[in-house]
Amino acid sequence: MKVDLKASKKLFTVRLPESVIRDIKLLSVDLDKSISDVLAEAVIDLVRKHGRTQVAYSTTATEAKKAKR
């Protein structure tokens, strides 16, 4: 499954150790890719490594809240 890294994006905040952030920034320069694209690629690889190649849940939190009403 190919993931379009140019597709619409949503803000996702995460806390990482400063050393990891530095490594990600350096890697993004080495690869001539944005930090966002480097992290997206890493997350995609991690998800695939654990056997998740499709969206596990089709209901978003907003849809779940609506369903409770």
N, C-alpha and C. Protein backbone atom coordinates (compact mmCIF):
# COMPACT_ATOMS: atom_id res chain seq x y z
N MET A 1 0.85 -1.18 0.00
CA MET A 1 0.00 0.00 0.00
C MET A 1 0.89 1.24 0.00
N LYS A 2 0.70 2.12 -0.96
CA LYS A 2 1.46 3.36 -1.08
C LYS A 2 0.72 4.47 -0.35
N VAL A 3 1.45 5.24 0.44
CA VAL A 3 0.86 6.35 1.19
C VAL A 3 1.27 7.64 0.53
N ASP A 4 0.31 8.51 0.28
CA ASP A 4 0.57 9.80 -0.35
C ASP A 4 0.97 10.81 0.72
N LEU A 5 2.27 11.13 0.79
CA LEU A 5 2.75 12.07 1.80
C LEU A 5 2.35 13.51 1.48
N LYS A 6 1.82 13.74 0.30
CA LYS A 6 1.38 15.08 -0.08
C LYS A 6 -0.11 15.29 0.20
N ALA A 7 -0.78 14.27 0.68
CA ALA A 7 -2.22 14.35 0.97
C ALA A 7 -2.45 15.35 2.11
N SER A 8 -3.68 15.69 2.32
CA SER A 8 -4.06 16.61 3.39
C SER A 8 -3.48 16.12 4.72
N LYS A 9 -2.96 17.05 5.50
CA LYS A 9 -2.30 16.69 6.75
C LYS A 9 -3.00 17.32 7.94
N LYS A 10 -2.85 16.69 9.08
CA LYS A 10 -3.45 17.16 10.33
C LYS A 10 -2.35 17.29 11.37
N LEU A 11 -2.44 18.31 12.19
CA LEU A 11 -1.45 18.54 13.23
C LEU A 11 -1.51 17.44 14.28
N PHE A 12 -0.35 16.91 14.66
CA PHE A 12 -0.24 15.87 15.66
C PHE A 12 0.98 16.22 16.52
N THR A 13 0.76 16.50 17.78
CA THR A 13 1.83 16.92 18.66
C THR A 13 2.35 15.74 19.47
N VAL A 14 3.66 15.68 19.59
CA VAL A 14 4.29 14.60 20.35
C VAL A 14 5.52 15.15 21.06
N ARG A 15 5.80 14.62 22.23
CA ARG A 15 7.00 15.02 22.98
C ARG A 15 8.08 13.95 22.78
N LEU A 16 9.26 14.41 22.40
CA LEU A 16 10.39 13.51 22.18
C LEU A 16 11.62 14.06 22.89
N PRO A 17 12.54 13.18 23.25
CA PRO A 17 13.80 13.66 23.84
C PRO A 17 14.53 14.58 22.86
N GLU A 18 15.23 15.57 23.40
CA GLU A 18 15.94 16.52 22.54
C GLU A 18 16.92 15.83 21.60
N SER A 19 17.56 14.77 22.06
CA SER A 19 18.52 14.05 21.22
C SER A 19 17.83 13.41 20.00
N VAL A 20 16.63 12.92 20.20
CA VAL A 20 15.87 12.32 19.10
C VAL A 20 15.46 13.40 18.10
N ILE A 21 15.02 14.52 18.61
CA ILE A 21 14.63 15.64 17.74
C ILE A 21 15.83 16.09 16.90
N ARG A 22 16.98 16.19 17.54
CA ARG A 22 18.20 16.59 16.82
C ARG A 22 18.50 15.58 15.70
N ASP A 23 18.41 14.29 16.02
CA ASP A 23 18.67 13.26 15.01
C ASP A 23 17.68 13.34 13.85
N ILE A 24 16.43 13.59 14.16
CA ILE A 24 15.41 13.70 13.11
C ILE A 24 15.70 14.90 12.21
N LYS A 25 16.06 16.03 12.84
CA LYS A 25 16.38 17.23 12.05
C LYS A 25 17.58 16.99 11.14
N LEU A 26 18.62 16.36 11.67
CA LEU A 26 19.80 16.07 10.85
C LEU A 26 19.47 15.11 9.72
N LEU A 27 18.67 14.09 10.01
CA LEU A 27 18.26 13.14 8.98
C LEU A 27 17.45 13.83 7.89
N SER A 28 16.58 14.74 8.29
CA SER A 28 15.76 15.44 7.28
C SER A 28 16.63 16.26 6.34
N VAL A 29 17.70 16.85 6.87
CA VAL A 29 18.64 17.59 6.03
C VAL A 29 19.38 16.64 5.10
N ASP A 30 19.88 15.54 5.67
CA ASP A 30 20.61 14.54 4.85
C ASP A 30 19.75 14.00 3.72
N LEU A 31 18.46 13.78 3.99
CA LEU A 31 17.57 13.20 2.99
C LEU A 31 16.90 14.24 2.11
N ASP A 32 17.10 15.51 2.44
CA ASP A 32 16.46 16.62 1.73
C ASP A 32 14.94 16.45 1.73
N LYS A 33 14.41 16.10 2.92
CA LYS A 33 12.97 15.94 3.12
C LYS A 33 12.56 16.79 4.31
N SER A 34 11.29 17.14 4.37
CA SER A 34 10.80 17.87 5.53
C SER A 34 10.79 16.95 6.75
N ILE A 35 10.85 17.55 7.93
CA ILE A 35 10.77 16.77 9.16
C ILE A 35 9.46 16.00 9.19
N SER A 36 8.39 16.64 8.75
CA SER A 36 7.09 15.99 8.71
C SER A 36 7.11 14.73 7.85
N ASP A 37 7.73 14.83 6.68
CA ASP A 37 7.80 13.67 5.79
C ASP A 37 8.67 12.55 6.37
N VAL A 38 9.77 12.93 7.02
CA VAL A 38 10.64 11.93 7.66
C VAL A 38 9.87 11.20 8.76
N LEU A 39 9.16 11.95 9.59
CA LEU A 39 8.39 11.32 10.67
C LEU A 39 7.24 10.48 10.13
N ALA A 40 6.57 10.97 9.09
CA ALA A 40 5.47 10.20 8.50
C ALA A 40 5.99 8.86 7.96
N GLU A 41 7.14 8.90 7.29
CA GLU A 41 7.73 7.67 6.77
C GLU A 41 8.08 6.70 7.90
N ALA A 42 8.62 7.24 9.00
CA ALA A 42 8.98 6.40 10.14
C ALA A 42 7.74 5.76 10.77
N VAL A 43 6.68 6.53 10.91
CA VAL A 43 5.45 6.00 11.50
C VAL A 43 4.83 4.95 10.59
N ILE A 44 4.82 5.21 9.29
CA ILE A 44 4.29 4.24 8.33
C ILE A 44 5.06 2.93 8.43
N ASP A 45 6.40 3.02 8.49
CA ASP A 45 7.23 1.82 8.61
C ASP A 45 6.93 1.07 9.91
N LEU A 46 6.75 1.81 11.01
CA LEU A 46 6.45 1.19 12.30
C LEU A 46 5.10 0.49 12.28
N VAL A 47 4.11 1.14 11.69
CA VAL A 47 2.77 0.55 11.61
C VAL A 47 2.82 -0.74 10.78
N ARG A 48 3.51 -0.70 9.67
CA ARG A 48 3.63 -1.89 8.83
C ARG A 48 4.40 -3.00 9.54
N LYS A 49 5.45 -2.63 10.28
CA LYS A 49 6.25 -3.61 11.02
C LYS A 49 5.37 -4.41 11.97
N HIS A 50 4.36 -3.77 12.52
CA HIS A 50 3.48 -4.43 13.47
C HIS A 50 2.21 -4.98 12.81
N GLY A 51 2.23 -5.07 11.48
CA GLY A 51 1.17 -5.74 10.76
C GLY A 51 -0.09 -4.92 10.52
N ARG A 52 -0.01 -3.64 10.72
CA ARG A 52 -1.17 -2.79 10.48
C ARG A 52 -0.99 -2.07 9.16
N THR A 53 -1.62 -2.59 8.12
CA THR A 53 -1.48 -1.96 6.80
C THR A 53 -2.74 -1.23 6.38
N GLN A 54 -3.79 -1.38 7.16
CA GLN A 54 -5.05 -0.70 6.87
C GLN A 54 -5.53 -0.02 8.14
N VAL A 55 -6.42 0.92 7.99
CA VAL A 55 -6.98 1.61 9.14
C VAL A 55 -7.75 0.60 9.98
N ALA A 56 -7.40 0.51 11.26
CA ALA A 56 -8.00 -0.48 12.14
C ALA A 56 -9.42 -0.11 12.55
N TYR A 57 -9.67 1.18 12.69
CA TYR A 57 -10.98 1.64 13.14
C TYR A 57 -11.53 2.64 12.14
N SER A 58 -12.75 2.43 11.69
CA SER A 58 -13.33 3.32 10.69
C SER A 58 -14.10 4.46 11.34
N THR A 59 -14.29 4.42 12.65
CA THR A 59 -15.05 5.45 13.34
C THR A 59 -14.10 6.42 14.02
N THR A 60 -14.28 7.69 13.74
CA THR A 60 -13.46 8.71 14.40
C THR A 60 -14.07 9.04 15.75
N ALA A 61 -13.35 9.74 16.58
CA ALA A 61 -13.85 10.12 17.90
C ALA A 61 -15.11 10.96 17.77
N THR A 62 -15.14 11.84 16.79
CA THR A 62 -16.32 12.69 16.59
C THR A 62 -17.54 11.83 16.23
N GLU A 63 -17.34 10.87 15.34
CA GLU A 63 -18.44 10.00 14.95
C GLU A 63 -18.89 9.16 16.14
N ALA A 64 -17.98 8.73 16.99
CA ALA A 64 -18.32 7.94 18.16
C ALA A 64 -19.17 8.77 19.13
N LYS A 65 -18.82 10.04 19.30
CA LYS A 65 -19.58 10.91 20.19
C LYS A 65 -21.02 11.10 19.65
N LYS A 66 -21.14 11.27 18.34
CA LYS A 66 -22.46 11.45 17.72
C LYS A 66 -23.31 10.19 17.92
N ALA A 67 -22.66 9.04 17.84
CA ALA A 67 -23.39 7.77 17.96
C ALA A 67 -23.93 7.57 19.37
N LYS A 68 -23.28 8.16 20.38
CA LYS A 68 -23.71 8.02 21.76
C LYS A 68 -25.00 8.80 22.05
N ARG A 69 -25.25 9.84 21.26
CA ARG A 69 -26.41 10.71 21.50
C ARG A 69 -27.70 10.06 21.23
